[in-house]
C-alpha atoms as a PDB file:
ATOM      1  CA  MET A   1     -38.836  28.218   1.406  1.00  0.00           C
ATOM      2  CA  MET A   2     -35.280  28.970   0.316  1.00  0.00           C
ATOM      3  CA  SER A   3     -33.790  27.534  -2.855  1.00  0.00           C
ATOM      4  CA  MET A   4     -30.343  27.411  -4.413  1.00  0.00           C
ATOM      5  CA  ARG A   5     -30.444  28.219  -8.097  1.00  0.00           C
ATOM      6  CA  LEU A   6     -28.681  29.987 -10.954  1.00  0.00           C
ATOM      7  CA  THR A   7     -29.059  33.634 -11.868  1.00  0.00           C
ATOM      8  CA  ARG A   8     -27.716  34.886 -15.178  1.00  0.00           C
ATOM      9  CA  ILE A   9     -24.967  37.529 -15.214  1.00  0.00           C
ATOM     10  CA  GLY A  10     -23.539  37.103 -18.713  1.00  0.00           C
ATOM     11  CA  SER A  11     -24.069  39.299 -21.727  1.00  0.00           C
ATOM     12  CA  LYS A  12     -26.021  38.446 -24.860  1.00  0.00           C
ATOM     13  CA  ASN A  13     -24.783  35.169 -26.423  1.00  0.00           C
ATOM     14  CA  ASN A  14     -22.261  34.802 -23.581  1.00  0.00           C
ATOM     15  CA  PRO A  15     -24.016  33.154 -20.637  1.00  0.00           C
ATOM     16  CA  ALA A  16     -22.460  33.085 -17.180  1.00  0.00           C
ATOM     17  CA  TYR A  17     -24.253  32.379 -13.933  1.00  0.00           C
ATOM     18  CA  ARG A  18     -24.055  32.978 -10.197  1.00  0.00           C
ATOM     19  CA  ILE A  19     -25.172  30.277  -7.810  1.00  0.00           C
ATOM     20  CA  VAL A  20     -27.416  32.016  -5.291  1.00  0.00           C
ATOM     21  CA  VAL A  21     -29.594  31.300  -2.285  1.00  0.00           C
ATOM     22  CA  ILE A  22     -32.929  33.030  -2.735  1.00  0.00           C
ATOM     23  CA  ASP A  23     -36.571  32.768  -1.678  1.00  0.00           C
ATOM     24  CA  SER A  24     -38.162  30.238  -4.036  1.00  0.00           C
ATOM     25  CA  GLU A  25     -41.126  32.516  -4.818  1.00  0.00           C
ATOM     26  CA  LYS A  26     -38.993  35.415  -6.108  1.00  0.00           C
ATOM     27  CA  PRO A  27     -38.117  35.939  -9.795  1.00  0.00           C
ATOM     28  CA  ARG A  28     -34.753  34.848 -11.206  1.00  0.00           C
ATOM     29  CA  GLU A  29     -33.157  38.304 -11.161  1.00  0.00           C
ATOM     30  CA  SER A  30     -34.276  39.292  -7.649  1.00  0.00           C
ATOM     31  CA  GLU A  31     -32.022  40.188  -4.739  1.00  0.00           C
ATOM     32  CA  ALA A  32     -30.333  37.056  -3.395  1.00  0.00           C
ATOM     33  CA  LYS A  33     -29.753  36.223   0.265  1.00  0.00           C
ATOM     34  CA  GLU A  34     -26.216  35.033  -0.483  1.00  0.00           C
ATOM     35  CA  TYR A  35     -23.948  34.324  -3.441  1.00  0.00           C
ATOM     36  CA  ILE A  36     -22.203  30.976  -3.053  1.00  0.00           C
ATOM     37  CA  GLY A  37     -20.474  30.487  -6.386  1.00  0.00           C
ATOM     38  CA  THR A  38     -20.208  30.970 -10.140  1.00  0.00           C
ATOM     39  CA  TYR A  39     -20.692  28.799 -13.225  1.00  0.00           C
ATOM     40  CA  ASN A  40     -19.342  29.581 -16.689  1.00  0.00           C
ATOM     41  CA  PRO A  41     -20.475  26.987 -19.262  1.00  0.00           C
ATOM     42  CA  THR A  42     -18.779  28.695 -22.231  1.00  0.00           C
ATOM     43  CA  THR A  43     -15.230  27.724 -21.262  1.00  0.00           C
ATOM     44  CA  GLU A  44     -13.774  24.310 -22.060  1.00  0.00           C
ATOM     45  CA  PRO A  45     -14.091  22.602 -19.600  1.00  0.00           C
ATOM     46  CA  ALA A  46     -16.924  24.488 -17.897  1.00  0.00           C
ATOM     47  CA  GLU A  47     -15.665  26.598 -14.989  1.00  0.00           C
ATOM     48  CA  VAL A  48     -17.411  25.973 -11.657  1.00  0.00           C
ATOM     49  CA  LYS A  49     -16.459  27.739  -8.410  1.00  0.00           C
ATOM     50  CA  ILE A  50     -18.568  26.934  -5.348  1.00  0.00           C
ATOM     51  CA  ASP A  51     -18.021  27.642  -1.674  1.00  0.00           C
ATOM     52  CA  VAL A  52     -18.941  24.126  -0.566  1.00  0.00           C
ATOM     53  CA  ALA A  53     -19.032  25.026   3.143  1.00  0.00           C
ATOM     54  CA  LYS A  54     -21.628  27.764   2.537  1.00  0.00           C
ATOM     55  CA  ALA A  55     -23.662  25.455   0.309  1.00  0.00           C
ATOM     56  CA  GLN A  56     -23.714  22.705   2.929  1.00  0.00           C
ATOM     57  CA  ALA A  57     -24.672  25.221   5.620  1.00  0.00           C
ATOM     58  CA  TRP A  58     -27.658  26.417   3.558  1.00  0.00           C
ATOM     59  CA  ILE A  59     -28.734  22.850   2.808  1.00  0.00           C
ATOM     60  CA  ALA A  60     -28.603  22.147   6.559  1.00  0.00           C
ATOM     61  CA  LYS A  61     -30.892  25.170   7.084  1.00  0.00           C
ATOM     62  CA  GLY A  62     -33.414  23.703   4.615  1.00  0.00           C
ATOM     63  CA  ALA A  63     -32.524  25.299   1.265  1.00  0.00           C
ATOM     64  CA  LYS A  64     -33.312  23.038  -1.693  1.00  0.00           C
ATOM     65  CA  PRO A  65     -30.895  23.096  -4.659  1.00  0.00           C
ATOM     66  CA  SER A  66     -32.258  23.031  -8.203  1.00  0.00           C
ATOM     67  CA  GLN A  67     -31.348  20.035 -10.373  1.00  0.00           C
ATOM     68  CA  THR A  68     -28.566  21.968 -12.095  1.00  0.00           C
ATOM     69  CA  VAL A  69     -27.109  23.285  -8.847  1.00  0.00           C
ATOM     70  CA  GLN A  70     -27.301  19.796  -7.333  1.00  0.00           C
ATOM     71  CA  SER A  71     -25.250  18.352 -10.197  1.00  0.00           C
ATOM     72  CA  LEU A  72     -22.699  21.193  -9.924  1.00  0.00           C
ATOM     73  CA  LEU A  73     -22.416  20.601  -6.158  1.00  0.00           C
ATOM     74  CA  THR A  74     -21.868  16.887  -6.725  1.00  0.00           C
ATOM     75  CA  LYS A  75     -19.048  17.642  -9.169  1.00  0.00           C
ATOM     76  CA  ALA A  76     -17.502  20.181  -6.786  1.00  0.00           C
ATOM     77  CA  LEU A  77     -17.597  17.694  -3.911  1.00  0.00           C
ATOM     78  CA  LYS A  78     -15.869  15.054  -6.035  1.00  0.00           C
ATOM     79  CA  LYS A  79     -13.070  17.527  -6.830  1.00  0.00           C
ATOM     80  CA  THR A  80     -12.495  18.489  -3.182  1.00  0.00           C
ATOM     81  CA  LYS A  81     -12.402  14.971  -1.723  1.00  0.00           C
ATOM     82  CA  PRO A  82      -8.916  13.437  -1.518  1.00  0.00           C
ATOM     83  CA  ALA A  83      -8.369  10.255  -3.529  1.00  0.00           C
END
């Protein structure tokens, strides 16, 4: 089964993450199927960049987002919807 989760790319004491689609049985730092965004929690406010179309396509194919990725997707969707 495919999952959408974070993989760390930042240096020591400076975390930054990529949002990736990967086989759920593989370790965190394994080769990802596709990179769909980035998350930098050290900036104020936290910087989140997600390709929402790719994320929705993977969810339609059966990929399950982790809790953190799900909350980031929800925030990204709220930003992109017109008021």
